[in-house]
Amino acid sequence: MKREVLCVLCVLAILLSGCTGSGKSADKSLKEVFAAHNMKVGTCVTSGMIKSDKTSEVLLNQFNSLTMENAMKPDSIFDQAKSKEAGKPVVEFNEEALSIMAWAKEHNYSMRGHTLIWYSQTPEWLFRAGFEGSGAFVGRDEMLSRMEAMISGTFAKLEELGYLDLFYAYDVVNEAWMEDGTIRQNHWTETIGDDYLWYAFYYADKYAPESIDLYYNDYNEQYKMEPLLKFVDTLKDDSGRYLIDGIGLQAHLYTSDSLTSYFYVLDKLAESGLKLQLTELDVCLGKYMSPLPADEENLKAQGQFYYDLINGLFERVDAGKIQMDALTFWGFWDIASWRKEYSPLLYGEDLAPKYAYYGALQVKDKAGY
């Protein structure tokens, strides 16, 4: 899903908030609870969050993995002028990305890269002759060359900056499939063809170090199970070796969703033998297009949902039923969520922990039960 850049009011709220939430709300932290199951736990971040004492304290206390909300998406990391000069896409991380990576390295975080190849938030000039904003689209061979330069250049730039070892996973392709089982049509399919997906993983496998797992990431995974299973089975080289390491499930869920059905999907996807990660987890009050008010009853239901979801994941991980080494929440504070009208996250507007927080923490008697 396209993420809205954090609004000015939200940034001011982060920087100026007088709230007292410290992130230390129980005897154990989220990262300690997840570590007991050999998992990292993360959240998405902006530079505003790491600059604020209040929000950075929550980050430091609770999470050991970070994903940039927007600053590593394609429209943020390629320099048009330098690309024209070089005749190939040139990676140039912006100040927000650089500040987050520096902060992550200083505080011993691990990171997920998000994302290399996407139909959205990718500048159109990357597909056009001369890297101009208008004009003819380039042909297949040229676009494959550009894709290779985009992917190789990203990993080379991270190594040059000394940040490559921060990353343990990278979303190679984001949101390529539709719910009806067809490939989403976009500039990648127009210039290369449907096999752009295979080439994206071929190049990522070629240039990424072994220490970085390569993921396909998508939303509405509940409705895309069969297409995803068929798709990942095609991502192999001539010897039959997988070019992909895992499937990223965005997990933008609702309290009205059936966890029985969701776990069925996870169990089936796990049969691929690939790793799974929940990469953008939030649980909205209500259902799609119908948010419920954040009253006591609904917040308790949300806390129970988080508890049951994460308890079910831990049971499956501990039993070896699924391979999952990390889970990422798409934020932690309702006021800064891209779906804030649904109150989907672990902390309320005053940065006080909600029933949802205790659900994620697996403290059942505080999770709304």
Protein backbone atom coordinates (compact mmCIF):
# COMPACT_ATOMS: atom_id res chain seq x y z
CA MET A 1 0.00 0.00 0.00
CA LYS A 2 1.22 3.50 -0.65
CA ARG A 3 2.26 5.07 2.63
CA GLU A 4 1.46 8.68 3.29
CA VAL A 5 4.46 10.71 4.32
CA LEU A 6 4.08 11.58 7.99
CA CYS A 7 2.06 14.78 8.17
CA VAL A 8 3.43 18.00 9.62
CA LEU A 9 0.98 17.85 12.50
CA CYS A 10 2.08 14.33 13.37
CA VAL A 11 5.74 15.36 13.32
CA LEU A 12 4.97 18.29 15.60
CA ALA A 13 3.06 15.97 17.90
CA ILE A 14 6.05 13.66 18.06
CA LEU A 15 8.54 16.42 18.72
CA LEU A 16 6.46 18.49 21.12
CA SER A 17 4.39 15.90 22.93
CA GLY A 18 4.43 16.18 26.68
CA CYS A 19 3.32 12.58 27.10
CA THR A 20 4.85 10.36 29.72
CA GLY A 21 4.91 7.03 27.90
CA SER A 22 8.35 5.51 28.21
CA GLY A 23 7.80 2.23 26.41
CA LYS A 24 8.57 0.38 29.66
CA SER A 25 5.13 -0.90 30.51
CA ALA A 26 5.80 -4.38 31.85
CA ASP A 27 8.54 -6.51 33.33
CA LYS A 28 9.59 -7.64 29.86
CA SER A 29 9.88 -5.79 26.57
CA LEU A 30 8.59 -6.89 23.18
CA LYS A 31 12.11 -7.65 22.01
CA GLU A 32 12.69 -9.89 25.03
CA VAL A 33 9.42 -11.76 24.50
CA PHE A 34 10.13 -12.32 20.80
CA ALA A 35 13.76 -13.28 21.45
CA ALA A 36 12.49 -16.21 23.54
CA HIS A 37 11.19 -17.59 20.23
CA ASN A 38 14.35 -16.67 18.28
CA MET A 39 12.59 -13.79 16.54
CA LYS A 40 13.34 -10.14 16.01
CA VAL A 41 10.54 -7.62 16.47
CA GLY A 42 10.49 -4.39 14.52
CA THR A 43 8.59 -1.32 13.46
CA CYS A 44 8.67 1.19 10.64
CA VAL A 45 10.31 4.54 11.35
CA THR A 46 10.77 8.05 10.07
CA SER A 47 13.54 10.47 11.01
CA GLY A 48 11.02 12.36 13.18
CA MET A 49 10.61 9.31 15.39
CA ILE A 50 14.30 8.91 16.10
CA LYS A 51 14.72 12.65 16.80
CA SER A 52 11.99 12.72 19.44
CA ASP A 53 13.06 11.67 22.93
CA LYS A 54 9.61 10.20 23.63
CA THR A 55 9.28 8.03 20.53
CA SER A 56 12.95 7.07 20.37
CA GLU A 57 12.68 5.82 23.94
CA VAL A 58 9.90 3.46 22.90
CA LEU A 59 11.97 2.32 19.92
CA LEU A 60 15.01 1.63 22.07
CA ASN A 61 13.06 -0.16 24.79
CA GLN A 62 10.83 -2.33 22.63
CA PHE A 63 12.26 -3.06 19.17
CA ASN A 64 15.45 -4.48 17.68
CA SER A 65 14.54 -4.25 13.98
CA LEU A 66 13.68 -1.22 11.85
CA THR A 67 12.10 -0.68 8.44
CA MET A 68 12.06 2.76 6.84
CA GLU A 69 8.50 3.89 6.21
CA ASN A 70 9.32 5.69 2.95
CA ALA A 71 12.99 6.64 2.74
CA MET A 72 14.23 3.49 0.96
CA LYS A 73 11.45 3.30 -1.62
CA PRO A 74 12.55 3.85 -5.24
CA ASP A 75 11.45 7.48 -5.48
CA SER A 76 13.73 8.30 -2.54
CA ILE A 77 17.00 6.62 -3.50
CA PHE A 78 17.73 7.43 -7.16
CA ASP A 79 19.32 10.66 -8.39
CA GLN A 80 17.94 11.80 -11.75
CA ALA A 81 20.74 14.23 -12.63
CA LYS A 82 23.49 11.74 -11.78
CA SER A 83 21.63 9.00 -13.67
CA LYS A 84 21.55 11.17 -16.80
CA GLU A 85 25.26 11.84 -16.47
CA ALA A 86 26.18 8.19 -15.86
CA GLY A 87 23.75 6.73 -18.39
CA LYS A 88 22.42 4.28 -15.79
CA PRO A 89 20.41 4.56 -12.55
CA VAL A 90 22.52 6.02 -9.75
CA VAL A 91 21.70 5.38 -6.10
CA GLU A 92 21.91 8.36 -3.78
CA PHE A 93 20.29 7.89 -0.38
CA ASN A 94 18.57 10.98 0.99
CA GLU A 95 19.29 12.59 4.34
CA GLU A 96 16.42 10.81 6.07
CA ALA A 97 17.65 7.38 5.02
CA LEU A 98 21.21 8.23 6.02
CA SER A 99 20.15 9.53 9.42
CA ILE A 100 18.08 6.43 10.16
CA MET A 101 20.87 4.05 9.14
CA ALA A 102 23.38 5.97 11.23
CA TRP A 103 21.04 5.85 14.24
CA ALA A 104 20.36 2.14 13.70
CA LYS A 105 24.07 1.37 13.56
CA GLU A 106 24.77 3.44 16.67
CA HIS A 107 22.08 1.56 18.62
CA ASN A 108 22.83 -1.94 17.28
CA TYR A 109 19.62 -2.45 15.32
CA SER A 110 19.00 -4.86 12.49
CA MET A 111 17.10 -3.58 9.44
CA ARG A 112 14.72 -4.71 6.71
CA GLY A 113 15.18 -3.06 3.32
CA HIS A 114 11.93 -1.84 1.76
CA THR A 115 11.77 -1.96 -1.26
CA LEU A 116 13.71 -2.45 -4.54
CA ILE A 117 11.14 -3.06 -7.30
CA TRP A 118 7.61 -1.67 -6.98
CA TYR A 119 4.89 -0.44 -9.29
CA SER A 120 4.30 2.58 -7.01
CA GLN A 121 6.57 5.31 -5.68
CA THR A 122 8.98 4.68 -8.54
CA PRO A 123 9.90 7.72 -10.66
CA GLU A 124 8.67 7.45 -14.23
CA TRP A 125 11.94 8.85 -15.58
CA LEU A 126 13.60 5.54 -14.67
CA PHE A 127 11.62 3.94 -17.52
CA ARG A 128 12.06 6.64 -20.17
CA ALA A 129 14.76 7.42 -22.73
CA GLY A 130 17.47 9.70 -21.41
CA PHE A 131 16.02 9.46 -17.90
CA GLU A 132 13.66 12.27 -18.84
CA GLY A 133 10.27 12.78 -17.26
CA SER A 134 8.55 12.47 -20.62
CA GLY A 135 9.33 10.78 -23.89
CA ALA A 136 9.44 7.22 -25.14
CA PHE A 137 9.70 4.24 -22.82
CA VAL A 138 12.90 2.27 -23.29
CA GLY A 139 12.90 -1.29 -24.62
CA ARG A 140 13.19 -4.59 -22.79
CA ASP A 141 16.97 -4.99 -22.95
CA GLU A 142 17.63 -1.44 -21.76
CA MET A 143 15.15 -1.77 -18.90
CA LEU A 144 16.67 -5.07 -17.79
CA SER A 145 20.05 -3.33 -17.77
CA ARG A 146 18.58 -0.50 -15.69
CA MET A 147 16.97 -2.95 -13.27
CA GLU A 148 20.32 -4.68 -12.79
CA ALA A 149 21.99 -1.32 -12.15
CA MET A 150 19.27 -0.32 -9.68
CA ILE A 151 19.67 -3.50 -7.65
CA SER A 152 23.44 -3.84 -7.83
CA GLY A 153 23.83 -0.13 -7.13
CA THR A 154 21.69 -0.31 -4.00
CA PHE A 155 23.77 -3.03 -2.39
CA ALA A 156 27.03 -1.44 -3.57
CA LYS A 157 26.04 1.92 -2.07
CA LEU A 158 25.11 0.34 1.25
CA GLU A 159 28.49 -1.40 1.33
CA GLU A 160 30.29 1.83 0.42
CA LEU A 161 28.56 3.66 3.29
CA GLY A 162 29.32 0.88 5.77
CA TYR A 163 25.67 -0.01 6.34
CA LEU A 164 25.30 -3.26 4.40
CA ASP A 165 25.76 -5.40 7.50
CA LEU A 166 22.77 -3.72 9.17
CA PHE A 167 20.37 -5.53 6.85
CA TYR A 168 19.12 -9.06 7.41
CA ALA A 169 16.21 -9.01 4.92
CA TYR A 170 15.21 -7.03 1.84
CA ASP A 171 11.92 -6.76 -0.04
CA VAL A 172 13.02 -7.33 -3.62
CA VAL A 173 9.56 -6.94 -5.16
CA ASN A 174 6.52 -5.36 -3.55
CA GLU A 175 2.84 -5.92 -4.40
CA ALA A 176 3.05 -7.49 -7.87
CA TRP A 177 -0.04 -9.71 -7.72
CA MET A 178 -3.75 -8.99 -7.85
CA GLU A 179 -6.40 -10.83 -5.86
CA ASP A 180 -7.72 -12.52 -9.03
CA GLY A 181 -4.36 -14.21 -9.58
CA THR A 182 -3.12 -11.94 -12.37
CA ILE A 183 0.08 -9.91 -12.42
CA ARG A 184 -0.44 -6.22 -11.76
CA GLN A 185 0.14 -4.29 -14.97
CA ASN A 186 2.60 -1.43 -14.61
CA HIS A 187 5.68 0.13 -16.20
CA TRP A 188 7.74 -2.98 -15.37
CA THR A 189 5.40 -5.25 -17.31
CA GLU A 190 5.14 -2.67 -20.12
CA THR A 191 8.89 -2.36 -20.63
CA ILE A 192 10.13 -5.86 -19.74
CA GLY A 193 7.16 -8.22 -19.53
CA ASP A 194 5.76 -10.44 -16.80
CA ASP A 195 9.15 -12.09 -16.32
CA TYR A 196 10.48 -8.86 -14.78
CA LEU A 197 9.65 -10.63 -11.50
CA TRP A 198 12.08 -13.47 -12.17
CA TYR A 199 14.82 -11.08 -13.25
CA ALA A 200 14.38 -8.94 -10.14
CA PHE A 201 15.15 -11.93 -7.93
CA TYR A 202 17.87 -13.15 -10.27
CA TYR A 203 19.71 -9.84 -9.93
CA ALA A 204 19.06 -9.57 -6.20
CA ASP A 205 20.43 -13.08 -5.69
CA LYS A 206 23.44 -12.13 -7.78
CA TYR A 207 24.35 -8.96 -5.89
CA ALA A 208 23.01 -9.28 -2.34
CA PRO A 209 25.29 -10.89 0.25
CA GLU A 210 24.28 -14.25 1.69
CA SER A 211 23.56 -12.53 5.01
CA ILE A 212 20.51 -10.75 3.53
CA ASP A 213 17.37 -12.81 2.97
CA LEU A 214 15.44 -11.88 -0.17
CA TYR A 215 11.66 -11.43 0.16
CA TYR A 216 8.61 -11.02 -1.99
CA ASN A 217 6.21 -8.73 -0.08
CA ASP A 218 2.45 -8.30 -0.59
CA TYR A 219 -0.84 -7.30 1.06
CA ASN A 220 -4.20 -9.13 1.18
CA GLU A 221 -2.25 -12.34 1.47
CA GLN A 222 -5.48 -14.03 2.64
CA TYR A 223 -6.83 -13.66 -0.90
CA LYS A 224 -3.61 -14.35 -2.82
CA MET A 225 -2.49 -17.64 -1.29
CA GLU A 226 -2.71 -19.80 -4.42
CA PRO A 227 -1.13 -17.22 -6.78
CA LEU A 228 1.71 -16.66 -4.31
CA LEU A 229 2.42 -20.37 -3.95
CA LYS A 230 2.54 -20.81 -7.72
CA PHE A 231 4.63 -17.67 -8.16
CA VAL A 232 7.39 -18.42 -5.65
CA ASP A 233 7.80 -21.87 -7.18
CA THR A 234 8.93 -20.17 -10.41
CA LEU A 235 11.71 -18.22 -8.70
CA LYS A 236 14.43 -20.78 -9.25
CA ASP A 237 17.62 -20.87 -11.26
CA ASP A 238 18.52 -23.50 -13.85
CA SER A 239 19.62 -25.91 -11.12
CA GLY A 240 16.30 -25.63 -9.29
CA ARG A 241 17.72 -23.51 -6.47
CA TYR A 242 15.42 -20.86 -5.04
CA LEU A 243 16.37 -17.26 -5.84
CA ILE A 244 14.07 -16.16 -3.00
CA ASP A 245 14.34 -16.77 0.74
CA GLY A 246 10.97 -15.69 2.07
CA ILE A 247 7.45 -14.37 1.62
CA GLY A 248 6.61 -11.10 3.34
CA LEU A 249 2.99 -10.81 4.48
CA GLN A 250 1.96 -7.25 5.19
CA ALA A 251 -0.74 -8.37 7.64
CA HIS A 252 -2.93 -5.27 7.52
CA LEU A 253 -5.66 -6.95 9.50
CA TYR A 254 -9.00 -6.10 11.12
CA THR A 255 -10.57 -7.19 14.39
CA SER A 256 -13.41 -8.62 12.29
CA ASP A 257 -11.02 -11.02 10.51
CA SER A 258 -11.02 -14.75 11.21
CA LEU A 259 -7.74 -15.85 12.75
CA THR A 260 -8.59 -19.46 11.96
CA SER A 261 -8.68 -18.56 8.27
CA TYR A 262 -5.53 -16.45 8.54
CA PHE A 263 -3.54 -19.23 10.19
CA TYR A 264 -4.71 -21.61 7.47
CA VAL A 265 -3.14 -19.27 4.89
CA LEU A 266 0.11 -19.05 6.86
CA ASP A 267 0.29 -22.81 7.22
CA LYS A 268 -0.25 -23.34 3.49
CA LEU A 269 2.34 -20.73 2.52
CA ALA A 270 4.81 -22.32 4.91
CA GLU A 271 4.54 -25.52 2.87
CA SER A 272 6.63 -23.76 0.22
CA GLY A 273 9.61 -24.30 2.52
CA LEU A 274 10.36 -20.57 2.44
CA LYS A 275 10.58 -18.29 5.43
CA LEU A 276 7.58 -16.16 6.31
CA GLN A 277 7.55 -12.75 7.95
CA LEU A 278 4.72 -10.46 8.98
CA THR A 279 6.22 -7.25 7.60
CA GLU A 280 3.69 -4.44 8.20
CA LEU A 281 1.38 -5.68 10.95
CA ASP A 282 -1.44 -3.52 12.22
CA VAL A 283 -4.90 -4.56 13.44
CA CYS A 284 -7.67 -2.09 12.72
CA LEU A 285 -10.79 -1.72 14.84
CA GLY A 286 -13.73 -2.92 12.76
CA LYS A 287 -13.56 -3.93 9.13
CA TYR A 288 -12.50 -2.47 5.78
CA MET A 289 -14.03 0.98 5.22
CA SER A 290 -15.93 0.68 8.51
CA PRO A 291 -13.79 1.74 11.49
CA LEU A 292 -15.14 1.21 14.99
CA PRO A 293 -14.71 3.76 17.79
CA ALA A 294 -11.79 3.28 20.16
CA ASP A 295 -13.98 2.53 23.16
CA GLU A 296 -13.24 0.08 25.94
CA GLU A 297 -15.07 -2.87 24.37
CA ASN A 298 -13.43 -2.50 20.96
CA LEU A 299 -9.96 -1.91 22.39
CA LYS A 300 -10.29 -5.07 24.48
CA ALA A 301 -11.29 -7.02 21.37
CA GLN A 302 -8.20 -5.66 19.63
CA GLY A 303 -6.00 -6.70 22.54
CA GLN A 304 -7.42 -10.23 22.38
CA PHE A 305 -6.83 -10.35 18.62
CA TYR A 306 -3.17 -9.35 19.01
CA TYR A 307 -2.72 -11.87 21.81
CA ASP A 308 -4.25 -14.75 19.83
CA LEU A 309 -2.41 -13.85 16.63
CA ILE A 310 1.04 -13.68 18.18
CA ASN A 311 0.42 -16.64 20.47
CA GLY A 312 -0.50 -18.68 17.39
CA LEU A 313 2.65 -17.55 15.61
CA PHE A 314 4.86 -18.46 18.55
CA GLU A 315 3.26 -21.91 18.77
CA ARG A 316 3.92 -22.54 15.08
CA VAL A 317 7.49 -21.24 15.23
CA ASP A 318 8.33 -23.25 18.33
CA ALA A 319 6.87 -26.40 16.76
CA GLY A 320 8.86 -25.88 13.55
CA LYS A 321 5.66 -25.58 11.54
CA ILE A 322 6.66 -22.24 10.04
CA GLN A 323 10.04 -20.56 9.62
CA MET A 324 9.65 -17.01 10.95
CA ASP A 325 12.60 -15.08 12.33
CA ALA A 326 11.05 -11.61 12.52
CA LEU A 327 7.80 -9.71 12.82
CA THR A 328 7.40 -6.02 12.02
CA PHE A 329 4.61 -3.72 13.20
CA TRP A 330 3.79 -0.89 10.79
CA GLY A 331 4.35 1.71 13.48
CA PHE A 332 3.53 1.59 17.17
CA TRP A 333 1.64 4.81 17.91
CA ASP A 334 -1.93 5.33 16.67
CA ILE A 335 -1.51 9.05 16.02
CA ALA A 336 1.28 8.42 13.51
CA SER A 337 -0.32 5.45 11.75
CA TRP A 338 -1.26 5.62 8.07
CA ARG A 339 -4.59 4.13 9.23
CA LYS A 340 -4.98 6.16 12.40
CA GLU A 341 -8.76 6.43 12.04
CA TYR A 342 -8.86 2.69 12.87
CA SER A 343 -6.65 2.97 16.01
CA PRO A 344 -4.60 -0.03 14.80
CA LEU A 345 -1.41 0.00 16.87
CA LEU A 346 -0.01 -0.77 20.31
CA TYR A 347 0.10 2.69 21.90
CA GLY A 348 -2.64 5.30 22.18
CA GLU A 349 -2.44 8.97 21.39
CA ASP A 350 -0.69 9.76 24.68
CA LEU A 351 1.82 6.96 24.07
CA ALA A 352 0.19 4.92 26.82
CA PRO A 353 0.17 1.17 26.17
CA LYS A 354 -3.17 -0.25 25.00
CA TYR A 355 -4.65 -3.70 25.48
CA ALA A 356 -3.07 -4.32 22.07
CA TYR A 357 0.40 -3.79 23.53
CA TYR A 358 -0.18 -6.35 26.27
CA GLY A 359 -1.66 -8.71 23.71
CA ALA A 360 1.52 -8.49 21.65
CA LEU A 361 3.50 -8.88 24.86
CA GLN A 362 1.55 -12.05 25.67
CA VAL A 363 0.31 -10.76 29.04
CA LYS A 364 -3.12 -12.29 28.82
CA ASP A 365 -4.66 -10.79 31.95
CA LYS A 366 -3.94 -7.28 30.62
CA ALA A 367 -4.84 -7.99 26.99
CA GLY A 368 -8.60 -7.48 27.29
CA TYR A 369 -9.56 -10.93 28.55
